[in-house]
N, C-alpha and C. Protein backbone atom coordinates (compact mmCIF):
# COMPACT_ATOMS: atom_id res chain seq x y z
N UNK A 1 4.19 41.08 22.05
CA UNK A 1 4.37 40.17 23.18
C UNK A 1 5.61 40.54 23.97
N UNK A 2 5.44 40.67 25.27
CA UNK A 2 6.56 40.88 26.18
C UNK A 2 7.07 39.51 26.61
N UNK A 3 8.25 39.14 26.13
CA UNK A 3 8.77 37.80 26.39
C UNK A 3 9.21 37.62 27.85
N UNK A 4 9.23 38.71 28.61
CA UNK A 4 9.51 38.62 30.03
C UNK A 4 8.24 38.36 30.85
N UNK A 5 7.10 38.49 30.18
CA UNK A 5 5.80 38.30 30.84
C UNK A 5 5.67 36.85 31.30
N UNK A 6 5.17 36.67 32.51
CA UNK A 6 4.98 35.31 33.03
C UNK A 6 3.94 34.53 32.23
N UNK A 7 3.10 35.25 31.48
CA UNK A 7 2.07 34.59 30.67
C UNK A 7 2.59 34.17 29.29
N UNK A 8 3.82 34.52 28.95
CA UNK A 8 4.38 34.14 27.66
C UNK A 8 4.51 32.62 27.58
N UNK A 9 4.02 32.07 26.45
CA UNK A 9 4.03 30.62 26.27
C UNK A 9 5.05 30.27 25.19
N UNK A 10 5.85 29.24 25.45
CA UNK A 10 6.88 28.85 24.51
C UNK A 10 6.75 27.39 24.05
N UNK A 11 5.76 26.70 24.56
CA UNK A 11 5.54 25.32 24.14
C UNK A 11 4.06 25.01 24.22
N UNK A 12 3.63 24.02 23.41
CA UNK A 12 2.21 23.65 23.38
C UNK A 12 2.08 22.26 22.80
N UNK A 13 1.12 21.49 23.28
CA UNK A 13 0.83 20.15 22.76
C UNK A 13 -0.30 20.25 21.75
N UNK A 14 0.03 20.17 20.47
CA UNK A 14 -0.97 20.31 19.41
C UNK A 14 -2.00 19.19 19.45
N UNK A 15 -1.64 18.05 20.04
CA UNK A 15 -2.58 16.93 20.15
C UNK A 15 -3.81 17.28 20.97
N UNK A 16 -3.73 18.32 21.76
CA UNK A 16 -4.85 18.70 22.63
C UNK A 16 -5.75 19.77 21.99
N UNK A 17 -5.46 20.16 20.77
CA UNK A 17 -6.16 21.28 20.14
C UNK A 17 -6.81 20.83 18.84
N UNK A 18 -7.96 20.20 18.93
CA UNK A 18 -8.64 19.67 17.74
C UNK A 18 -9.54 20.73 17.12
N UNK A 19 -9.32 20.98 15.83
CA UNK A 19 -10.19 21.89 15.08
C UNK A 19 -11.44 21.18 14.59
N UNK A 20 -11.24 19.96 14.08
CA UNK A 20 -12.36 19.18 13.54
C UNK A 20 -12.02 17.70 13.61
N UNK A 21 -13.02 16.87 13.94
CA UNK A 21 -12.82 15.42 13.96
C UNK A 21 -14.00 14.73 13.31
N UNK A 22 -13.71 13.98 12.26
CA UNK A 22 -14.72 13.13 11.61
C UNK A 22 -14.76 11.77 12.29
N UNK A 23 -13.58 11.17 12.51
CA UNK A 23 -13.44 9.91 13.24
C UNK A 23 -11.98 9.80 13.66
N UNK A 24 -11.59 8.64 14.18
CA UNK A 24 -10.24 8.49 14.72
C UNK A 24 -9.15 8.51 13.65
N UNK A 25 -9.52 8.34 12.39
CA UNK A 25 -8.54 8.35 11.30
C UNK A 25 -8.55 9.66 10.51
N UNK A 26 -9.56 10.49 10.73
CA UNK A 26 -9.72 11.71 9.94
C UNK A 26 -10.05 12.89 10.84
N UNK A 27 -9.02 13.70 11.10
CA UNK A 27 -9.21 14.85 11.98
C UNK A 27 -8.12 15.89 11.73
N UNK A 28 -8.36 17.09 12.24
CA UNK A 28 -7.43 18.20 12.06
C UNK A 28 -7.18 18.86 13.40
N UNK A 29 -5.91 18.99 13.78
CA UNK A 29 -5.52 19.75 14.96
C UNK A 29 -4.96 21.10 14.51
N UNK A 30 -5.04 22.09 15.38
CA UNK A 30 -4.66 23.45 15.02
C UNK A 30 -3.69 24.04 16.03
N UNK A 31 -2.76 24.83 15.52
CA UNK A 31 -1.89 25.64 16.36
C UNK A 31 -1.83 27.04 15.79
N UNK A 32 -2.25 28.00 16.60
CA UNK A 32 -2.19 29.41 16.22
C UNK A 32 -1.88 30.24 17.44
N UNK A 33 -1.99 31.53 17.29
CA UNK A 33 -1.63 32.42 18.40
C UNK A 33 -2.56 32.24 19.60
N UNK A 34 -3.77 31.74 19.38
CA UNK A 34 -4.68 31.49 20.49
C UNK A 34 -4.19 30.33 21.35
N UNK A 35 -3.44 29.41 20.73
CA UNK A 35 -2.92 28.28 21.49
C UNK A 35 -1.52 28.56 22.05
N UNK A 36 -0.74 29.36 21.32
CA UNK A 36 0.65 29.63 21.72
C UNK A 36 0.91 31.11 21.48
N UNK A 37 0.85 31.92 22.54
CA UNK A 37 0.77 33.37 22.37
C UNK A 37 2.06 34.06 21.96
N UNK A 38 3.17 33.33 21.86
CA UNK A 38 4.41 33.94 21.38
C UNK A 38 4.59 33.77 19.87
N UNK A 39 3.65 33.10 19.22
CA UNK A 39 3.73 32.97 17.77
C UNK A 39 3.58 34.34 17.11
N UNK A 40 4.26 34.51 15.99
CA UNK A 40 4.09 35.73 15.21
C UNK A 40 3.36 35.38 13.91
N UNK A 41 4.00 35.51 12.76
CA UNK A 41 3.31 35.23 11.51
C UNK A 41 3.50 33.78 11.07
N UNK A 42 3.07 32.88 11.93
CA UNK A 42 3.13 31.45 11.60
C UNK A 42 2.04 30.71 12.38
N UNK A 43 1.47 29.71 11.74
CA UNK A 43 0.48 28.83 12.38
C UNK A 43 0.45 27.55 11.56
N UNK A 44 -0.26 26.54 12.07
CA UNK A 44 -0.28 25.28 11.33
C UNK A 44 -1.55 24.49 11.61
N UNK A 45 -1.85 23.60 10.67
CA UNK A 45 -2.88 22.58 10.84
C UNK A 45 -2.21 21.23 10.70
N UNK A 46 -2.48 20.34 11.65
CA UNK A 46 -1.95 18.98 11.67
C UNK A 46 -3.07 18.08 11.18
N UNK A 47 -2.94 17.51 9.97
CA UNK A 47 -4.05 16.88 9.27
C UNK A 47 -3.81 15.37 9.15
N UNK A 48 -4.80 14.59 9.54
CA UNK A 48 -4.74 13.14 9.45
C UNK A 48 -5.91 12.65 8.59
N UNK A 49 -5.61 11.81 7.58
CA UNK A 49 -6.63 11.37 6.64
C UNK A 49 -6.46 9.90 6.31
N UNK A 50 -7.57 9.20 6.08
CA UNK A 50 -7.53 7.87 5.50
C UNK A 50 -7.87 7.97 4.02
N UNK A 51 -7.63 6.89 3.29
CA UNK A 51 -7.75 6.89 1.84
C UNK A 51 -9.09 7.43 1.36
N UNK A 52 -9.05 8.29 0.35
CA UNK A 52 -10.20 8.88 -0.33
C UNK A 52 -10.91 9.96 0.47
N UNK A 53 -10.42 10.28 1.66
CA UNK A 53 -10.99 11.40 2.39
C UNK A 53 -10.40 12.70 1.87
N UNK A 54 -11.22 13.74 1.93
CA UNK A 54 -10.90 15.02 1.30
C UNK A 54 -10.99 16.17 2.30
N UNK A 55 -9.94 16.97 2.37
CA UNK A 55 -10.09 18.27 3.03
C UNK A 55 -10.84 19.14 2.03
N UNK A 56 -12.06 19.50 2.38
CA UNK A 56 -12.99 20.07 1.40
C UNK A 56 -12.44 21.32 0.70
N UNK A 57 -12.94 21.61 -0.51
CA UNK A 57 -12.53 22.83 -1.21
C UNK A 57 -12.74 24.06 -0.33
N UNK A 58 -11.72 24.94 -0.32
CA UNK A 58 -11.75 26.11 0.55
C UNK A 58 -10.66 27.08 0.12
N UNK A 59 -10.63 28.24 0.75
CA UNK A 59 -9.50 29.14 0.55
C UNK A 59 -9.21 29.89 1.85
N UNK A 60 -7.98 30.36 1.97
CA UNK A 60 -7.55 31.11 3.15
C UNK A 60 -7.38 32.58 2.74
N UNK A 61 -8.22 33.42 3.32
CA UNK A 61 -8.24 34.82 2.91
C UNK A 61 -7.08 35.63 3.50
N UNK A 62 -6.38 35.07 4.48
CA UNK A 62 -5.34 35.85 5.17
C UNK A 62 -3.95 35.24 5.09
N UNK A 63 -3.79 34.13 4.36
CA UNK A 63 -2.48 33.47 4.41
C UNK A 63 -2.25 32.56 3.22
N UNK A 64 -0.98 32.41 2.84
CA UNK A 64 -0.57 31.34 1.94
C UNK A 64 -0.41 30.06 2.76
N UNK A 65 -0.40 28.92 2.07
CA UNK A 65 -0.33 27.63 2.76
C UNK A 65 0.72 26.75 2.10
N UNK A 66 1.59 26.19 2.91
CA UNK A 66 2.57 25.21 2.45
C UNK A 66 2.19 23.86 3.04
N UNK A 67 1.87 22.89 2.18
CA UNK A 67 1.43 21.58 2.62
C UNK A 67 2.60 20.60 2.53
N UNK A 68 3.00 20.05 3.66
CA UNK A 68 4.12 19.11 3.76
C UNK A 68 3.58 17.73 4.09
N UNK A 69 4.00 16.73 3.34
CA UNK A 69 3.55 15.36 3.59
C UNK A 69 4.52 14.67 4.56
N UNK A 70 4.01 14.27 5.72
CA UNK A 70 4.81 13.56 6.71
C UNK A 70 4.79 12.06 6.45
N UNK A 71 3.59 11.53 6.17
CA UNK A 71 3.46 10.11 5.86
C UNK A 71 2.26 9.92 4.95
N UNK A 72 2.21 8.74 4.28
CA UNK A 72 1.12 8.48 3.37
C UNK A 72 1.32 9.18 2.04
N UNK A 73 0.22 9.58 1.42
CA UNK A 73 0.28 10.26 0.13
C UNK A 73 -1.02 11.02 -0.09
N UNK A 74 -0.93 12.13 -0.80
CA UNK A 74 -2.11 12.94 -1.06
C UNK A 74 -1.94 13.68 -2.38
N UNK A 75 -3.05 14.14 -2.91
CA UNK A 75 -3.04 15.01 -4.07
C UNK A 75 -3.54 16.37 -3.62
N UNK A 76 -2.72 17.38 -3.81
CA UNK A 76 -3.10 18.76 -3.50
C UNK A 76 -3.53 19.40 -4.82
N UNK A 77 -4.78 19.85 -4.87
CA UNK A 77 -5.32 20.45 -6.09
C UNK A 77 -5.69 21.89 -5.82
N UNK A 78 -5.37 22.76 -6.77
CA UNK A 78 -5.69 24.18 -6.62
C UNK A 78 -6.21 24.73 -7.94
N UNK A 79 -7.07 25.72 -7.83
CA UNK A 79 -7.58 26.43 -9.00
C UNK A 79 -6.75 27.68 -9.19
N UNK A 80 -6.01 27.71 -10.30
CA UNK A 80 -5.20 28.89 -10.62
C UNK A 80 -6.13 29.98 -11.16
N UNK A 81 -6.28 31.09 -10.44
CA UNK A 81 -7.24 32.11 -10.87
C UNK A 81 -6.81 32.86 -12.12
N UNK A 82 -5.56 32.71 -12.50
CA UNK A 82 -5.06 33.42 -13.68
C UNK A 82 -5.24 32.59 -14.95
N UNK A 83 -5.06 31.28 -14.84
CA UNK A 83 -5.22 30.41 -16.01
C UNK A 83 -6.59 29.74 -16.07
N UNK A 84 -7.37 29.81 -14.97
CA UNK A 84 -8.67 29.14 -14.86
C UNK A 84 -8.51 27.62 -15.03
N UNK A 85 -7.43 27.08 -14.51
CA UNK A 85 -7.17 25.65 -14.60
C UNK A 85 -6.94 25.05 -13.22
N UNK A 86 -7.39 23.79 -13.07
CA UNK A 86 -7.07 23.03 -11.87
C UNK A 86 -5.67 22.44 -12.03
N UNK A 87 -4.80 22.65 -11.04
CA UNK A 87 -3.46 22.09 -11.03
C UNK A 87 -3.38 21.07 -9.91
N UNK A 88 -2.92 19.87 -10.25
CA UNK A 88 -2.91 18.74 -9.31
C UNK A 88 -1.48 18.34 -8.99
N UNK A 89 -1.15 18.26 -7.70
CA UNK A 89 0.21 17.95 -7.27
C UNK A 89 0.21 16.80 -6.26
N UNK A 90 0.57 15.59 -6.69
CA UNK A 90 0.69 14.48 -5.74
C UNK A 90 1.91 14.71 -4.85
N UNK A 91 1.78 14.47 -3.56
CA UNK A 91 2.91 14.58 -2.64
C UNK A 91 3.01 13.33 -1.79
N UNK A 92 4.25 12.95 -1.50
CA UNK A 92 4.58 11.81 -0.64
C UNK A 92 5.55 12.32 0.41
N UNK A 93 5.93 11.50 1.39
CA UNK A 93 6.75 12.00 2.50
C UNK A 93 7.99 12.79 2.04
N UNK A 94 8.13 13.97 2.63
CA UNK A 94 9.24 14.86 2.31
C UNK A 94 8.94 15.85 1.20
N UNK A 95 7.78 15.74 0.55
CA UNK A 95 7.42 16.64 -0.54
C UNK A 95 6.40 17.68 -0.08
N UNK A 96 6.38 18.82 -0.76
CA UNK A 96 5.49 19.91 -0.41
C UNK A 96 4.73 20.40 -1.63
N UNK A 97 3.63 21.10 -1.37
CA UNK A 97 2.90 21.85 -2.39
C UNK A 97 2.56 23.21 -1.79
N UNK A 98 2.74 24.27 -2.56
CA UNK A 98 2.51 25.62 -2.07
C UNK A 98 1.24 26.20 -2.68
N UNK A 99 0.41 26.80 -1.83
CA UNK A 99 -0.87 27.38 -2.25
C UNK A 99 -0.85 28.87 -1.92
N UNK A 100 -0.83 29.74 -2.92
CA UNK A 100 -0.83 31.18 -2.65
C UNK A 100 -2.08 31.63 -1.89
N UNK A 101 -1.95 32.73 -1.21
CA UNK A 101 -3.06 33.28 -0.42
C UNK A 101 -4.29 33.51 -1.29
N UNK A 102 -5.44 33.04 -0.80
CA UNK A 102 -6.70 33.29 -1.47
C UNK A 102 -7.04 32.33 -2.60
N UNK A 103 -6.19 31.32 -2.87
CA UNK A 103 -6.47 30.39 -3.97
C UNK A 103 -7.35 29.23 -3.49
N UNK A 104 -8.34 28.90 -4.29
CA UNK A 104 -9.26 27.79 -4.02
C UNK A 104 -8.50 26.47 -4.15
N UNK A 105 -8.62 25.57 -3.16
CA UNK A 105 -7.84 24.34 -3.19
C UNK A 105 -8.46 23.27 -2.30
N UNK A 106 -7.94 22.05 -2.42
CA UNK A 106 -8.39 20.93 -1.60
C UNK A 106 -7.32 19.84 -1.63
N UNK A 107 -7.39 18.92 -0.67
CA UNK A 107 -6.43 17.82 -0.57
C UNK A 107 -7.17 16.49 -0.46
N UNK A 108 -6.70 15.48 -1.20
CA UNK A 108 -7.31 14.15 -1.18
C UNK A 108 -6.24 13.13 -0.79
N UNK A 109 -6.51 12.35 0.24
CA UNK A 109 -5.58 11.28 0.62
C UNK A 109 -5.73 10.12 -0.36
N UNK A 110 -4.62 9.59 -0.86
CA UNK A 110 -4.67 8.47 -1.80
C UNK A 110 -4.30 7.14 -1.14
N UNK A 111 -3.87 7.19 0.10
CA UNK A 111 -3.62 5.96 0.88
C UNK A 111 -4.06 6.21 2.32
N UNK A 112 -4.21 5.12 3.07
CA UNK A 112 -4.53 5.24 4.49
C UNK A 112 -3.34 5.82 5.26
N UNK A 113 -3.63 6.29 6.47
CA UNK A 113 -2.61 6.81 7.38
C UNK A 113 -1.80 7.95 6.77
N UNK A 114 -2.50 8.82 6.06
CA UNK A 114 -1.85 10.01 5.50
C UNK A 114 -1.79 11.10 6.56
N UNK A 115 -0.64 11.71 6.69
CA UNK A 115 -0.41 12.77 7.68
C UNK A 115 0.20 13.97 6.97
N UNK A 116 -0.51 15.08 6.99
CA UNK A 116 -0.07 16.31 6.33
C UNK A 116 0.11 17.41 7.36
N UNK A 117 1.06 18.28 7.11
CA UNK A 117 1.25 19.47 7.94
C UNK A 117 1.06 20.69 7.04
N UNK A 118 0.06 21.50 7.35
CA UNK A 118 -0.21 22.71 6.60
C UNK A 118 0.30 23.91 7.39
N UNK A 119 1.22 24.65 6.80
CA UNK A 119 1.90 25.75 7.48
C UNK A 119 1.47 27.07 6.85
N UNK A 120 1.14 28.06 7.68
CA UNK A 120 0.60 29.33 7.20
C UNK A 120 1.48 30.51 7.65
N UNK A 121 1.51 31.56 6.83
CA UNK A 121 2.26 32.76 7.18
C UNK A 121 1.34 33.80 7.82
N UNK A 122 0.59 33.36 8.82
CA UNK A 122 -0.32 34.23 9.57
C UNK A 122 -0.48 33.61 10.96
N UNK A 123 -0.77 34.42 11.98
CA UNK A 123 -0.88 33.88 13.34
C UNK A 123 -2.09 32.99 13.57
N UNK A 124 -3.10 33.11 12.68
CA UNK A 124 -4.27 32.25 12.73
C UNK A 124 -4.70 31.95 11.30
N UNK A 125 -4.89 30.69 10.93
CA UNK A 125 -5.30 30.37 9.56
C UNK A 125 -6.81 30.55 9.36
N UNK A 126 -7.21 31.71 8.88
CA UNK A 126 -8.62 31.95 8.60
C UNK A 126 -9.03 31.18 7.34
N UNK A 127 -10.32 30.82 7.24
CA UNK A 127 -10.74 29.97 6.13
C UNK A 127 -12.18 30.27 5.72
N UNK A 128 -12.42 30.17 4.42
CA UNK A 128 -13.77 30.17 3.86
C UNK A 128 -13.98 28.80 3.24
N UNK A 129 -14.96 28.05 3.74
CA UNK A 129 -15.19 26.67 3.33
C UNK A 129 -16.24 26.58 2.21
N UNK A 130 -15.99 25.66 1.29
CA UNK A 130 -16.95 25.46 0.21
C UNK A 130 -18.33 25.08 0.71
N UNK A 131 -18.39 24.26 1.76
CA UNK A 131 -19.69 23.85 2.30
C UNK A 131 -20.48 25.06 2.82
N UNK A 132 -19.78 26.02 3.41
CA UNK A 132 -20.47 27.20 3.92
C UNK A 132 -20.95 28.10 2.79
N UNK A 133 -20.15 28.21 1.74
CA UNK A 133 -20.57 29.01 0.58
C UNK A 133 -21.84 28.40 -0.02
N UNK A 134 -21.84 27.09 -0.20
CA UNK A 134 -22.99 26.43 -0.81
C UNK A 134 -24.21 26.48 0.10
N UNK A 135 -24.01 26.32 1.40
CA UNK A 135 -25.13 26.21 2.33
C UNK A 135 -25.75 27.56 2.66
N UNK A 136 -24.93 28.60 2.73
CA UNK A 136 -25.43 29.87 3.25
C UNK A 136 -25.71 30.92 2.18
N UNK A 137 -25.28 30.69 0.93
CA UNK A 137 -25.69 31.61 -0.13
C UNK A 137 -27.16 31.36 -0.42
N UNK A 138 -28.01 32.39 -0.36
CA UNK A 138 -29.45 32.17 -0.55
C UNK A 138 -29.75 31.44 -1.86
N UNK A 139 -30.64 30.46 -1.79
CA UNK A 139 -30.97 29.66 -2.96
C UNK A 139 -31.53 30.50 -4.09
N UNK A 140 -32.32 31.53 -3.75
CA UNK A 140 -32.89 32.35 -4.81
C UNK A 140 -31.81 33.15 -5.54
N UNK A 141 -30.74 33.50 -4.82
CA UNK A 141 -29.63 34.21 -5.46
C UNK A 141 -28.89 33.28 -6.42
N UNK A 142 -28.62 32.04 -5.98
CA UNK A 142 -27.95 31.08 -6.84
C UNK A 142 -28.79 30.78 -8.09
N UNK A 143 -30.08 30.57 -7.87
CA UNK A 143 -30.96 30.24 -8.99
C UNK A 143 -31.04 31.39 -9.99
N UNK A 144 -31.18 32.59 -9.49
CA UNK A 144 -31.30 33.75 -10.38
C UNK A 144 -29.97 34.01 -11.10
N UNK A 145 -28.86 33.94 -10.38
CA UNK A 145 -27.56 34.27 -10.96
C UNK A 145 -27.14 33.27 -12.03
N UNK A 146 -27.35 31.97 -11.76
CA UNK A 146 -26.84 30.93 -12.66
C UNK A 146 -27.93 30.23 -13.47
N UNK A 147 -29.13 30.84 -13.50
CA UNK A 147 -30.25 30.31 -14.30
C UNK A 147 -30.56 28.87 -13.92
N UNK A 148 -30.78 28.65 -12.63
CA UNK A 148 -31.07 27.33 -12.10
C UNK A 148 -32.53 27.22 -11.68
N UNK A 149 -33.00 25.99 -11.56
CA UNK A 149 -34.29 25.74 -10.93
C UNK A 149 -34.06 25.78 -9.42
N UNK A 150 -34.68 26.71 -8.73
CA UNK A 150 -34.40 26.92 -7.31
C UNK A 150 -34.73 25.68 -6.49
N UNK A 151 -35.84 25.01 -6.78
CA UNK A 151 -36.20 23.82 -6.00
C UNK A 151 -35.20 22.69 -6.21
N UNK A 152 -34.73 22.53 -7.44
CA UNK A 152 -33.71 21.51 -7.70
C UNK A 152 -32.41 21.84 -6.99
N UNK A 153 -32.06 23.13 -6.96
CA UNK A 153 -30.84 23.54 -6.26
C UNK A 153 -30.96 23.23 -4.77
N UNK A 154 -32.10 23.56 -4.17
CA UNK A 154 -32.31 23.28 -2.75
C UNK A 154 -32.18 21.79 -2.46
N UNK A 155 -32.74 20.96 -3.35
CA UNK A 155 -32.66 19.52 -3.16
C UNK A 155 -31.21 19.04 -3.29
N UNK A 156 -30.47 19.62 -4.22
CA UNK A 156 -29.09 19.21 -4.46
C UNK A 156 -28.21 19.48 -3.26
N UNK A 157 -28.36 20.65 -2.65
CA UNK A 157 -27.48 21.03 -1.55
C UNK A 157 -28.01 20.62 -0.18
N UNK A 158 -29.18 20.00 -0.14
CA UNK A 158 -29.78 19.62 1.15
C UNK A 158 -28.86 18.76 2.00
N UNK A 159 -28.12 17.78 1.43
CA UNK A 159 -27.26 16.94 2.28
C UNK A 159 -26.02 17.65 2.82
N UNK A 160 -25.68 18.81 2.29
CA UNK A 160 -24.45 19.48 2.69
C UNK A 160 -24.56 20.00 4.11
N UNK A 161 -23.55 19.68 4.92
CA UNK A 161 -23.49 20.15 6.29
C UNK A 161 -22.53 21.34 6.38
N UNK A 162 -22.92 22.41 7.05
CA UNK A 162 -21.99 23.54 7.20
C UNK A 162 -20.69 23.11 7.86
N UNK A 163 -19.61 23.74 7.45
CA UNK A 163 -18.28 23.46 8.00
C UNK A 163 -17.96 21.97 7.95
N UNK A 164 -18.03 21.41 6.77
CA UNK A 164 -17.76 19.99 6.56
C UNK A 164 -16.32 19.64 6.93
N UNK A 165 -15.38 20.44 6.50
CA UNK A 165 -13.93 20.24 6.70
C UNK A 165 -13.42 18.98 6.01
N UNK A 166 -13.88 17.79 6.44
CA UNK A 166 -13.41 16.54 5.84
C UNK A 166 -14.61 15.76 5.30
N UNK A 167 -14.57 15.44 4.03
CA UNK A 167 -15.63 14.66 3.42
C UNK A 167 -15.07 13.38 2.81
N UNK A 168 -15.92 12.49 2.36
CA UNK A 168 -17.38 12.58 2.43
C UNK A 168 -17.88 12.27 3.84
N UNK A 169 -19.15 12.55 4.07
CA UNK A 169 -19.73 12.31 5.38
C UNK A 169 -19.76 10.82 5.71
N UNK A 170 -19.71 10.50 6.98
CA UNK A 170 -19.72 9.10 7.41
C UNK A 170 -21.01 8.39 6.99
N UNK A 171 -22.12 9.13 6.92
CA UNK A 171 -23.40 8.52 6.57
C UNK A 171 -23.73 8.72 5.09
N UNK A 172 -22.72 9.02 4.27
CA UNK A 172 -22.96 9.22 2.84
C UNK A 172 -23.28 7.88 2.19
N UNK A 173 -24.47 7.78 1.59
CA UNK A 173 -24.91 6.51 1.01
C UNK A 173 -24.98 6.53 -0.51
N UNK A 174 -24.51 7.60 -1.13
CA UNK A 174 -24.58 7.66 -2.58
C UNK A 174 -23.62 6.64 -3.19
N UNK A 175 -23.93 6.21 -4.40
CA UNK A 175 -23.05 5.30 -5.11
C UNK A 175 -21.81 6.05 -5.53
N UNK A 176 -20.66 5.37 -5.53
CA UNK A 176 -19.44 5.98 -6.02
C UNK A 176 -19.58 6.17 -7.52
N UNK A 177 -19.48 7.42 -7.95
CA UNK A 177 -19.66 7.74 -9.35
C UNK A 177 -18.39 8.33 -9.90
N UNK A 178 -18.33 8.41 -11.23
CA UNK A 178 -17.17 9.01 -11.88
C UNK A 178 -17.26 10.51 -11.70
N UNK A 179 -16.58 10.99 -10.67
CA UNK A 179 -16.65 12.42 -10.39
C UNK A 179 -15.32 13.12 -10.19
N UNK A 180 -14.17 12.47 -10.53
CA UNK A 180 -12.89 13.22 -10.43
C UNK A 180 -11.83 12.67 -11.37
N UNK A 181 -11.53 13.38 -12.41
CA UNK A 181 -10.54 12.93 -13.39
C UNK A 181 -9.34 13.85 -13.36
N UNK A 182 -8.15 13.31 -13.47
CA UNK A 182 -7.83 11.90 -13.64
C UNK A 182 -7.61 11.21 -12.31
N UNK A 183 -7.66 9.89 -12.28
CA UNK A 183 -7.50 9.15 -11.03
C UNK A 183 -6.03 9.04 -10.66
N UNK A 184 -5.75 8.43 -9.52
CA UNK A 184 -4.41 8.48 -8.95
C UNK A 184 -3.37 7.79 -9.81
N UNK A 185 -3.76 6.75 -10.59
CA UNK A 185 -2.79 6.10 -11.45
C UNK A 185 -2.27 7.08 -12.51
N UNK A 186 -3.17 7.91 -13.01
CA UNK A 186 -2.75 8.90 -14.01
C UNK A 186 -1.84 9.93 -13.37
N UNK A 187 -2.14 10.31 -12.14
CA UNK A 187 -1.29 11.27 -11.44
C UNK A 187 0.14 10.74 -11.30
N UNK A 188 0.27 9.44 -11.02
CA UNK A 188 1.60 8.88 -10.84
C UNK A 188 2.39 8.92 -12.15
N UNK A 189 1.66 8.75 -13.29
CA UNK A 189 2.33 8.77 -14.58
C UNK A 189 2.64 10.19 -15.04
N UNK A 190 1.72 11.10 -14.72
CA UNK A 190 1.88 12.49 -15.16
C UNK A 190 1.64 13.41 -13.96
N UNK A 191 2.59 13.45 -13.02
CA UNK A 191 2.34 14.05 -11.70
C UNK A 191 2.03 15.53 -11.70
N UNK A 192 2.51 16.29 -12.68
CA UNK A 192 2.29 17.73 -12.63
C UNK A 192 1.46 18.22 -13.81
N UNK A 193 0.64 17.31 -14.38
CA UNK A 193 -0.22 17.70 -15.48
C UNK A 193 -1.23 18.73 -14.99
N UNK A 194 -1.61 19.65 -15.86
CA UNK A 194 -2.59 20.67 -15.54
C UNK A 194 -3.85 20.38 -16.33
N UNK A 195 -4.99 20.43 -15.66
CA UNK A 195 -6.25 20.10 -16.31
C UNK A 195 -7.21 21.28 -16.23
N UNK A 196 -7.91 21.55 -17.34
CA UNK A 196 -8.90 22.63 -17.30
C UNK A 196 -9.94 22.36 -16.23
N UNK A 197 -10.46 23.42 -15.66
CA UNK A 197 -11.49 23.29 -14.63
C UNK A 197 -12.69 22.57 -15.22
N UNK A 198 -13.21 21.58 -14.51
CA UNK A 198 -14.33 20.81 -15.00
C UNK A 198 -15.18 20.38 -13.82
N UNK A 199 -16.43 19.99 -14.13
CA UNK A 199 -17.36 19.64 -13.06
C UNK A 199 -17.50 18.14 -12.87
N UNK A 200 -16.81 17.31 -13.67
CA UNK A 200 -16.93 15.86 -13.52
C UNK A 200 -15.58 15.26 -13.22
N UNK A 201 -15.50 14.54 -12.11
CA UNK A 201 -14.24 14.00 -11.62
C UNK A 201 -14.37 12.53 -11.26
N UNK A 202 -13.23 11.85 -11.10
CA UNK A 202 -13.20 10.46 -10.58
C UNK A 202 -12.34 10.44 -9.32
N UNK A 203 -12.88 10.07 -8.19
CA UNK A 203 -12.11 10.05 -6.96
C UNK A 203 -11.06 8.94 -7.02
N UNK A 204 -9.90 9.16 -6.40
CA UNK A 204 -8.79 8.19 -6.49
C UNK A 204 -8.97 7.01 -5.54
N UNK A 205 -9.98 6.16 -5.77
CA UNK A 205 -10.20 5.00 -4.90
C UNK A 205 -9.18 3.92 -5.22
C-alpha cells in the first residue's frame, strides 16, 4: 500500500459492514482489508449474541484468533488436536481466550447482551464452517466412511442450513435436550477444566 495514494483508507465504520445477521440481538460485523485497505496482518469480527446463542463450530485456516469479551459473558470452547480434548474457557469483560490457527472452536453466550471482539493475525479472517462441512460432504461418503445408514444421515442433516454462523435457527422447534456438558454453573466453579471430546452436551440455559 502506498500511503500517499489518495485511495488509502485510514478509518472505517464497522457498524456498516455486516457479515451475518440472525436478528437484532445476534449478528457479526467484519473488518478486513476489503473494508480498510491500509490494514496489514490484522482483521476483526465484532460479535453480538444473546443468551444461549452459539457462534457455530468452525476453524480459521489462515489465522489465529484472540477473543476479547467487551460485555456480557461467553464460553469459548476449542478442540485441542494434540490432546483430543475439548477445552472450555469462560470469559467476562476484560478477559480473553486465544485460539491457535486451524483449531476447531465455538463460542456460546451465557447471558444476554454479550459483545465479543475476535481479532485475527491476517488481513481477512477466512473460515471453514461446521454447517458447510456437514451440508456439502456427500452423504454417501459420510455413510461409507463412518459406517452410517445413508438415509438416516440425510434425515439428520436435513435441517442444517449452509453458513449458519449463529445458531440455533430462529425456527428451531426441537425440544431442549441434554446436549452440552458441563453447564455454565459448573464452568463458574471449575473455569478451566478440560473435558474429553464427547458427543453429548448440555447447553448453558
